[in-house]
Amino acid sequence: MFKSIKTSVVAFILVGTAVIAHAQKKITEGTLTYGLEYKLTDEQKSALGGQEPPAELKVKFNNGLTKIEMEQGPAMIGIVSDNNDKTGLLLIDVPIAQKQFAVKQSKEDVAKVMGDLPKYSDFKATGEKQTVGGFGAEKYTFKDDKGGAHELWATKEVDLPNVGSQNYFPGLAAFPVKYTLVQRGIETTTTLKSIAEGKVGAISKDVPAGYEVVTMEDIAKMQGGGE
C-alpha cells in the first residue's frame, strides 16, 4: 500500500525544508516557494520506482510554525514544524486506501535527525553578488566538521520569523536562498523562488480527527521495510 511513499524522502523533507532570517524587510506570515534539484544515484532512482521527487515546494509560515503540503505517489503528505520548540508532525493521507496516519516528532526525534547532519562553520562573504528569488544575494563559503568546503547564497534583505535554516547554518547572519545539502544520502539543491507575504491562517500542531498515530518505523513496515 505504501510502496511509493519512500521513508527516506519523507524523512528528508521533514527536516530539509528549512529557511531563516536576520535583516531588513520583516515578514511574519506568508508562503515561501522553493525549487528543488536532486542528484540521485541509480539505486535511489530505483527506490523511487520511477516517480519523480517534487521539483517545487511551498512552505507556509506563521511566527515560527511552518506547514508543507505535497503529493507523494498515492498519498497527500502534510508536514508541520514548530521551529520554536523543535517538534513536528507528519501527516499521511492515502485516499485510495481510506487510511490516514500521523507521526509525531518529539524534540528528541528532531534532535536525532539534526544530529546526523554535518556541523557547519566559518562562514565568509565573498563579495560575489546575484539576485535570487527577487532578493539581492551574496555568495558565502563555509566548512563542515569533516574539513569539507562548501558555498551558498544568502541575502540580508529580508527578516523572517524562526522557520528553520538556522538549524543548518548557525552563525550565518543572513537568510540562505540557495544551498546544497546531503541528507539521508540524498543530495538536494534548494533555491528560493519567491516569498509571498500574506495571511496563511493558524497552523495547528494537533493530530486531526480520524488520523491514526503511528511511528516512522510503522510507516517503514507498511512500505515493506522501506524498500
C-alpha atoms as a PDB file:
ATOM      1  CA  MET A   1       0.000   0.000   0.000  1.00  0.00           C
ATOM      2  CA  PHE A   2       2.813   2.424   0.739  1.00  0.00           C
ATOM      3  CA  LYS A   3       5.482   1.205  -1.657  1.00  0.00           C
ATOM      4  CA  SER A   4       5.542   4.554  -3.423  1.00  0.00           C
ATOM      5  CA  ILE A   5       5.883   6.572  -0.217  1.00  0.00           C
ATOM      6  CA  LYS A   6       9.599   6.391   0.418  1.00  0.00           C
ATOM      7  CA  THR A   7      10.532   6.899   4.072  1.00  0.00           C
ATOM      8  CA  SER A   8      13.931   8.338   3.150  1.00  0.00           C
ATOM      9  CA  VAL A   9      12.322  11.020   1.006  1.00  0.00           C
ATOM     10  CA  VAL A  10       9.672  11.807   3.625  1.00  0.00           C
ATOM     11  CA  ALA A  11      12.247  11.980   6.408  1.00  0.00           C
ATOM     12  CA  PHE A  12      14.466  14.167   4.257  1.00  0.00           C
ATOM     13  CA  ILE A  13      11.645  16.578   3.579  1.00  0.00           C
ATOM     14  CA  LEU A  14      10.687  16.645   7.248  1.00  0.00           C
ATOM     15  CA  VAL A  15      13.931  18.345   8.169  1.00  0.00           C
ATOM     16  CA  GLY A  16      15.110  19.586   4.822  1.00  0.00           C
ATOM     17  CA  THR A  17      12.596  22.292   4.092  1.00  0.00           C
ATOM     18  CA  ALA A  18      14.076  24.989   6.213  1.00  0.00           C
ATOM     19  CA  VAL A  19      14.635  28.672   5.987  1.00  0.00           C
ATOM     20  CA  ILE A  20      15.849  31.530   8.205  1.00  0.00           C
ATOM     21  CA  ALA A  21      16.330  35.167   8.840  1.00  0.00           C
ATOM     22  CA  HIS A  22      18.061  38.279  10.084  1.00  0.00           C
ATOM     23  CA  ALA A  23      17.725  41.540   8.200  1.00  0.00           C
ATOM     24  CA  GLN A  24      15.660  44.392   6.809  1.00  0.00           C
ATOM     25  CA  LYS A  25      12.180  43.604   5.446  1.00  0.00           C
ATOM     26  CA  LYS A  26      10.387  41.814   8.257  1.00  0.00           C
ATOM     27  CA  ILE A  27       7.756  39.258   7.234  1.00  0.00           C
ATOM     28  CA  THR A  28       5.941  37.327   9.969  1.00  0.00           C
ATOM     29  CA  GLU A  29       3.438  35.378   7.876  1.00  0.00           C
ATOM     30  CA  GLY A  30       3.400  34.159   4.290  1.00  0.00           C
ATOM     31  CA  THR A  31       4.480  31.474   1.843  1.00  0.00           C
ATOM     32  CA  LEU A  32       7.954  30.510   0.668  1.00  0.00           C
ATOM     33  CA  THR A  33       8.281  28.805  -2.710  1.00  0.00           C
ATOM     34  CA  TYR A  34      11.407  26.753  -3.428  1.00  0.00           C
ATOM     35  CA  GLY A  35      12.759  24.958  -6.438  1.00  0.00           C
ATOM     36  CA  LEU A  36      14.389  21.585  -5.698  1.00  0.00           C
ATOM     37  CA  GLU A  37      17.034  19.808  -7.774  1.00  0.00           C
ATOM     38  CA  TYR A  38      18.262  16.330  -6.869  1.00  0.00           C
ATOM     39  CA  LYS A  39      21.418  14.422  -7.626  1.00  0.00           C
ATOM     40  CA  LEU A  40      20.211  10.826  -7.329  1.00  0.00           C
ATOM     41  CA  THR A  41      22.169   7.615  -7.648  1.00  0.00           C
ATOM     42  CA  ASP A  42      20.821   4.767  -9.793  1.00  0.00           C
ATOM     43  CA  GLU A  43      19.892   2.963  -6.570  1.00  0.00           C
ATOM     44  CA  GLN A  44      17.947   5.960  -5.295  1.00  0.00           C
ATOM     45  CA  LYS A  45      16.133   6.303  -8.632  1.00  0.00           C
ATOM     46  CA  SER A  46      15.232   2.628  -8.472  1.00  0.00           C
ATOM     47  CA  ALA A  47      13.945   3.020  -4.915  1.00  0.00           C
ATOM     48  CA  LEU A  48      11.596   5.761  -6.099  1.00  0.00           C
ATOM     49  CA  GLY A  49      10.001   3.304  -8.511  1.00  0.00           C
ATOM     50  CA  GLY A  50      10.031   5.674 -11.455  1.00  0.00           C
ATOM     51  CA  GLN A  51       8.459   8.535  -9.526  1.00  0.00           C
ATOM     52  CA  GLU A  52       9.987  11.974  -9.623  1.00  0.00           C
ATOM     53  CA  PRO A  53      10.590  13.721  -6.285  1.00  0.00           C
ATOM     54  CA  PRO A  54       8.935  17.141  -6.018  1.00  0.00           C
ATOM     55  CA  ALA A  55      10.563  19.876  -8.105  1.00  0.00           C
ATOM     56  CA  GLU A  56       8.832  22.652  -6.186  1.00  0.00           C
ATOM     57  CA  LEU A  57       7.971  23.101  -2.552  1.00  0.00           C
ATOM     58  CA  LYS A  58       5.676  25.637  -0.879  1.00  0.00           C
ATOM     59  CA  VAL A  59       6.216  26.371   2.802  1.00  0.00           C
ATOM     60  CA  LYS A  60       3.568  28.308   4.703  1.00  0.00           C
ATOM     61  CA  PHE A  61       4.914  30.073   7.789  1.00  0.00           C
ATOM     62  CA  ASN A  62       3.386  31.913  10.720  1.00  0.00           C
ATOM     63  CA  ASN A  63       5.569  33.067  13.638  1.00  0.00           C
ATOM     64  CA  GLY A  64       7.848  30.037  13.837  1.00  0.00           C
ATOM     65  CA  LEU A  65       5.345  27.424  12.662  1.00  0.00           C
ATOM     66  CA  THR A  66       5.609  26.061   9.139  1.00  0.00           C
ATOM     67  CA  LYS A  67       3.414  23.775   7.057  1.00  0.00           C
ATOM     68  CA  ILE A  68       4.119  21.927   3.828  1.00  0.00           C
ATOM     69  CA  GLU A  69       1.549  20.062   1.737  1.00  0.00           C
ATOM     70  CA  MET A  70       2.571  17.879  -1.193  1.00  0.00           C
ATOM     71  CA  GLU A  71       1.655  14.797  -3.196  1.00  0.00           C
ATOM     72  CA  GLN A  72       3.860  11.709  -2.981  1.00  0.00           C
ATOM     73  CA  GLY A  73       2.559   8.849  -5.111  1.00  0.00           C
ATOM     74  CA  PRO A  74      -0.970   7.946  -3.960  1.00  0.00           C
ATOM     75  CA  ALA A  75      -0.626   9.930  -0.742  1.00  0.00           C
ATOM     76  CA  MET A  76      -1.018  13.525   0.364  1.00  0.00           C
ATOM     77  CA  ILE A  77       1.781  14.475   2.733  1.00  0.00           C
ATOM     78  CA  GLY A  78       1.498  17.260   5.295  1.00  0.00           C
ATOM     79  CA  ILE A  79       4.458  18.394   7.365  1.00  0.00           C
ATOM     80  CA  VAL A  80       4.017  20.755  10.310  1.00  0.00           C
ATOM     81  CA  SER A  81       7.131  22.019  12.101  1.00  0.00           C
ATOM     82  CA  ASP A  82       7.353  24.101  15.252  1.00  0.00           C
ATOM     83  CA  ASN A  83      10.769  25.706  14.940  1.00  0.00           C
ATOM     84  CA  ASN A  84      10.409  27.412  18.313  1.00  0.00           C
ATOM     85  CA  ASP A  85      10.268  24.242  20.401  1.00  0.00           C
ATOM     86  CA  LYS A  86      11.833  21.953  17.720  1.00  0.00           C
ATOM     87  CA  THR A  87       8.954  19.488  17.322  1.00  0.00           C
ATOM     88  CA  GLY A  88       6.995  18.333  14.291  1.00  0.00           C
ATOM     89  CA  LEU A  89       4.037  16.424  12.908  1.00  0.00           C
ATOM     90  CA  LEU A  90       3.936  14.331   9.733  1.00  0.00           C
ATOM     91  CA  LEU A  91       0.501  13.627   8.220  1.00  0.00           C
ATOM     92  CA  ILE A  92      -0.074  10.953   5.568  1.00  0.00           C
ATOM     93  CA  ASP A  93      -3.460  10.676   3.841  1.00  0.00           C
ATOM     94  CA  VAL A  94      -3.973   7.812   1.370  1.00  0.00           C
ATOM     95  CA  PRO A  95      -7.481   8.332  -0.066  1.00  0.00           C
ATOM     96  CA  ILE A  96      -7.401   5.220  -2.279  1.00  0.00           C
ATOM     97  CA  ALA A  97      -6.840   3.087   0.838  1.00  0.00           C
ATOM     98  CA  GLN A  98      -9.015   5.244   3.082  1.00  0.00           C
ATOM     99  CA  LYS A  99      -6.136   5.454   5.542  1.00  0.00           C
ATOM    100  CA  GLN A 100      -4.794   8.459   7.446  1.00  0.00           C
ATOM    101  CA  PHE A 101      -1.680   8.361   9.621  1.00  0.00           C
ATOM    102  CA  ALA A 102       0.072  10.874  11.851  1.00  0.00           C
ATOM    103  CA  VAL A 103       3.666  10.690  13.061  1.00  0.00           C
ATOM    104  CA  LYS A 104       4.554  12.933  15.995  1.00  0.00           C
ATOM    105  CA  GLN A 105       8.129  14.221  16.063  1.00  0.00           C
ATOM    106  CA  SER A 106       9.391  14.988  19.573  1.00  0.00           C
ATOM    107  CA  LYS A 107      12.323  17.236  20.406  1.00  0.00           C
ATOM    108  CA  GLU A 108      14.404  14.081  20.774  1.00  0.00           C
ATOM    109  CA  ASP A 109      13.324  12.806  17.351  1.00  0.00           C
ATOM    110  CA  VAL A 110      14.196  16.086  15.661  1.00  0.00           C
ATOM    111  CA  ALA A 111      17.486  16.363  17.568  1.00  0.00           C
ATOM    112  CA  LYS A 112      18.428  12.855  16.451  1.00  0.00           C
ATOM    113  CA  VAL A 113      17.837  13.693  12.805  1.00  0.00           C
ATOM    114  CA  MET A 114      19.667  17.008  13.087  1.00  0.00           C
ATOM    115  CA  GLY A 115      22.493  15.250  14.919  1.00  0.00           C
ATOM    116  CA  ASP A 116      23.143  13.199  11.800  1.00  0.00           C
ATOM    117  CA  LEU A 117      23.813  16.337   9.763  1.00  0.00           C
ATOM    118  CA  PRO A 118      27.274  17.884   9.405  1.00  0.00           C
ATOM    119  CA  LYS A 119      28.122  20.876  11.578  1.00  0.00           C
ATOM    120  CA  TYR A 120      28.875  23.971   9.508  1.00  0.00           C
ATOM    121  CA  SER A 121      31.010  26.953  10.468  1.00  0.00           C
ATOM    122  CA  ASP A 122      33.492  29.575   9.253  1.00  0.00           C
ATOM    123  CA  PHE A 123      31.028  31.479   7.042  1.00  0.00           C
ATOM    124  CA  LYS A 124      32.774  34.083   4.888  1.00  0.00           C
ATOM    125  CA  ALA A 125      31.183  36.517   2.444  1.00  0.00           C
ATOM    126  CA  THR A 126      32.959  36.505  -0.927  1.00  0.00           C
ATOM    127  CA  GLY A 127      31.624  39.772  -2.360  1.00  0.00           C
ATOM    128  CA  GLU A 128      30.117  37.953  -5.357  1.00  0.00           C
ATOM    129  CA  LYS A 129      26.521  39.104  -5.868  1.00  0.00           C
ATOM    130  CA  GLN A 130      23.430  37.979  -7.775  1.00  0.00           C
ATOM    131  CA  THR A 131      19.644  38.133  -7.462  1.00  0.00           C
ATOM    132  CA  VAL A 132      17.907  35.001  -6.128  1.00  0.00           C
ATOM    133  CA  GLY A 133      14.167  34.817  -5.529  1.00  0.00           C
ATOM    134  CA  GLY A 134      13.848  38.562  -6.024  1.00  0.00           C
ATOM    135  CA  PHE A 135      16.434  39.434  -3.370  1.00  0.00           C
ATOM    136  CA  GLY A 136      19.991  40.654  -3.649  1.00  0.00           C
ATOM    137  CA  ALA A 137      22.181  37.739  -2.530  1.00  0.00           C
ATOM    138  CA  GLU A 138      25.868  37.231  -1.812  1.00  0.00           C
ATOM    139  CA  LYS A 139      27.931  34.066  -2.075  1.00  0.00           C
ATOM    140  CA  TYR A 140      29.369  32.691   1.180  1.00  0.00           C
ATOM    141  CA  THR A 141      31.952  29.984   1.676  1.00  0.00           C
ATOM    142  CA  PHE A 142      31.908  27.705   4.718  1.00  0.00           C
ATOM    143  CA  LYS A 143      33.267  24.431   6.067  1.00  0.00           C
ATOM    144  CA  ASP A 144      31.840  21.301   7.651  1.00  0.00           C
ATOM    145  CA  ASP A 145      33.152  19.446  10.686  1.00  0.00           C
ATOM    146  CA  LYS A 146      34.935  16.918   8.474  1.00  0.00           C
ATOM    147  CA  GLY A 147      37.010  19.526   6.665  1.00  0.00           C
ATOM    148  CA  GLY A 148      34.828  19.775   3.577  1.00  0.00           C
ATOM    149  CA  ALA A 149      34.470  23.134   1.801  1.00  0.00           C
ATOM    150  CA  HIS A 150      31.081  24.431   0.627  1.00  0.00           C
ATOM    151  CA  GLU A 151      29.322  27.538  -0.643  1.00  0.00           C
ATOM    152  CA  LEU A 152      25.827  29.019  -0.524  1.00  0.00           C
ATOM    153  CA  TRP A 153      23.976  32.168  -1.460  1.00  0.00           C
ATOM    154  CA  ALA A 154      22.266  34.294   1.196  1.00  0.00           C
ATOM    155  CA  THR A 155      20.523  37.654   1.495  1.00  0.00           C
ATOM    156  CA  LYS A 156      20.298  40.301   4.191  1.00  0.00           C
ATOM    157  CA  GLU A 157      17.280  41.983   2.606  1.00  0.00           C
ATOM    158  CA  VAL A 158      14.609  40.017   4.482  1.00  0.00           C
ATOM    159  CA  ASP A 159      13.829  39.173   8.107  1.00  0.00           C
ATOM    160  CA  LEU A 160      11.629  36.128   8.725  1.00  0.00           C
ATOM    161  CA  PRO A 161      10.426  34.506  11.936  1.00  0.00           C
ATOM    162  CA  ASN A 162      12.199  31.352  13.054  1.00  0.00           C
ATOM    163  CA  VAL A 163      11.345  28.984  10.224  1.00  0.00           C
ATOM    164  CA  GLY A 164      14.270  26.630  10.049  1.00  0.00           C
ATOM    165  CA  SER A 165      17.552  27.062   8.165  1.00  0.00           C
ATOM    166  CA  GLN A 166      19.423  28.491  11.092  1.00  0.00           C
ATOM    167  CA  ASN A 167      19.365  24.885  12.301  1.00  0.00           C
ATOM    168  CA  TYR A 168      21.625  24.050   9.376  1.00  0.00           C
ATOM    169  CA  PHE A 169      23.694  27.215   9.276  1.00  0.00           C
ATOM    170  CA  PRO A 170      24.065  28.651  12.791  1.00  0.00           C
ATOM    171  CA  GLY A 171      26.363  31.633  12.678  1.00  0.00           C
ATOM    172  CA  LEU A 172      25.271  32.733   9.204  1.00  0.00           C
ATOM    173  CA  ALA A 173      23.858  36.212   9.779  1.00  0.00           C
ATOM    174  CA  ALA A 174      21.798  36.133   6.589  1.00  0.00           C
ATOM    175  CA  PHE A 175      18.902  34.242   5.031  1.00  0.00           C
ATOM    176  CA  PRO A 176      20.071  31.355   2.784  1.00  0.00           C
ATOM    177  CA  VAL A 177      18.403  31.483  -0.639  1.00  0.00           C
ATOM    178  CA  LYS A 178      20.371  28.776  -2.456  1.00  0.00           C
ATOM    179  CA  TYR A 179      22.226  25.881  -0.862  1.00  0.00           C
ATOM    180  CA  THR A 180      23.023  22.207  -1.332  1.00  0.00           C
ATOM    181  CA  LEU A 181      22.656  19.619   1.429  1.00  0.00           C
ATOM    182  CA  VAL A 182      23.052  15.853   1.617  1.00  0.00           C
ATOM    183  CA  GLN A 183      20.500  14.251   3.926  1.00  0.00           C
ATOM    184  CA  ARG A 184      19.845  10.539   4.213  1.00  0.00           C
ATOM    185  CA  GLY A 185      22.188  10.114   1.270  1.00  0.00           C
ATOM    186  CA  ILE A 186      20.123  12.399  -0.998  1.00  0.00           C
ATOM    187  CA  GLU A 187      21.894  15.461  -2.416  1.00  0.00           C
ATOM    188  CA  THR A 188      19.455  18.307  -2.967  1.00  0.00           C
ATOM    189  CA  THR A 189      19.943  21.881  -4.105  1.00  0.00           C
ATOM    190  CA  THR A 190      17.269  24.204  -2.712  1.00  0.00           C
ATOM    191  CA  THR A 191      16.699  27.576  -4.399  1.00  0.00           C
ATOM    192  CA  LEU A 192      14.276  30.252  -3.217  1.00  0.00           C
ATOM    193  CA  LYS A 193      11.857  31.237  -5.990  1.00  0.00           C
ATOM    194  CA  SER A 194       9.708  33.728  -4.079  1.00  0.00           C
ATOM    195  CA  ILE A 195       8.393  34.923  -0.725  1.00  0.00           C
ATOM    196  CA  ALA A 196       4.736  35.922  -0.717  1.00  0.00           C
ATOM    197  CA  GLU A 197       3.732  37.972   2.311  1.00  0.00           C
ATOM    198  CA  GLY A 198       0.151  37.390   3.460  1.00  0.00           C
ATOM    199  CA  LYS A 199      -2.170  35.596   5.841  1.00  0.00           C
ATOM    200  CA  VAL A 200      -1.919  31.795   5.840  1.00  0.00           C
ATOM    201  CA  GLY A 201      -4.087  31.245   8.917  1.00  0.00           C
ATOM    202  CA  ALA A 202      -3.334  29.331  12.084  1.00  0.00           C
ATOM    203  CA  ILE A 203      -1.025  26.344  11.731  1.00  0.00           C
ATOM    204  CA  SER A 204      -2.053  23.571  14.104  1.00  0.00           C
ATOM    205  CA  LYS A 205       0.252  21.006  15.693  1.00  0.00           C
ATOM    206  CA  ASP A 206      -2.689  18.862  16.791  1.00  0.00           C
ATOM    207  CA  VAL A 207      -3.400  15.489  15.199  1.00  0.00           C
ATOM    208  CA  PRO A 208      -6.547  15.886  13.059  1.00  0.00           C
ATOM    209  CA  ALA A 209      -9.603  13.771  13.842  1.00  0.00           C
ATOM    210  CA  GLY A 210      -9.579  10.417  12.076  1.00  0.00           C
ATOM    211  CA  TYR A 211      -5.786  10.086  11.887  1.00  0.00           C
ATOM    212  CA  GLU A 212      -4.101   7.045  13.440  1.00  0.00           C
ATOM    213  CA  VAL A 213      -0.963   7.950  15.391  1.00  0.00           C
ATOM    214  CA  VAL A 214       1.968   5.722  14.347  1.00  0.00           C
ATOM    215  CA  THR A 215       5.782   5.886  14.261  1.00  0.00           C
ATOM    216  CA  MET A 216       8.188   6.230  11.345  1.00  0.00           C
ATOM    217  CA  GLU A 217       9.109   2.597  11.996  1.00  0.00           C
ATOM    218  CA  ASP A 218       5.464   1.649  11.494  1.00  0.00           C
ATOM    219  CA  ILE A 219       5.400   3.532   8.186  1.00  0.00           C
ATOM    220  CA  ALA A 220       8.583   1.765   7.072  1.00  0.00           C
ATOM    221  CA  LYS A 221       6.987  -1.618   7.848  1.00  0.00           C
ATOM    222  CA  MET A 222       3.918  -0.695   5.819  1.00  0.00           C
ATOM    223  CA  GLN A 223       6.268   0.003   2.939  1.00  0.00           C
ATOM    224  CA  GLY A 224       7.836  -3.407   3.316  1.00  0.00           C
ATOM    225  CA  GLY A 225      10.792  -2.163   5.337  1.00  0.00           C
ATOM    226  CA  GLY A 226      11.137   0.963   3.234  1.00  0.00           C
ATOM    227  CA  GLU A 227      12.424  -0.973   0.260  1.00  0.00           C
END
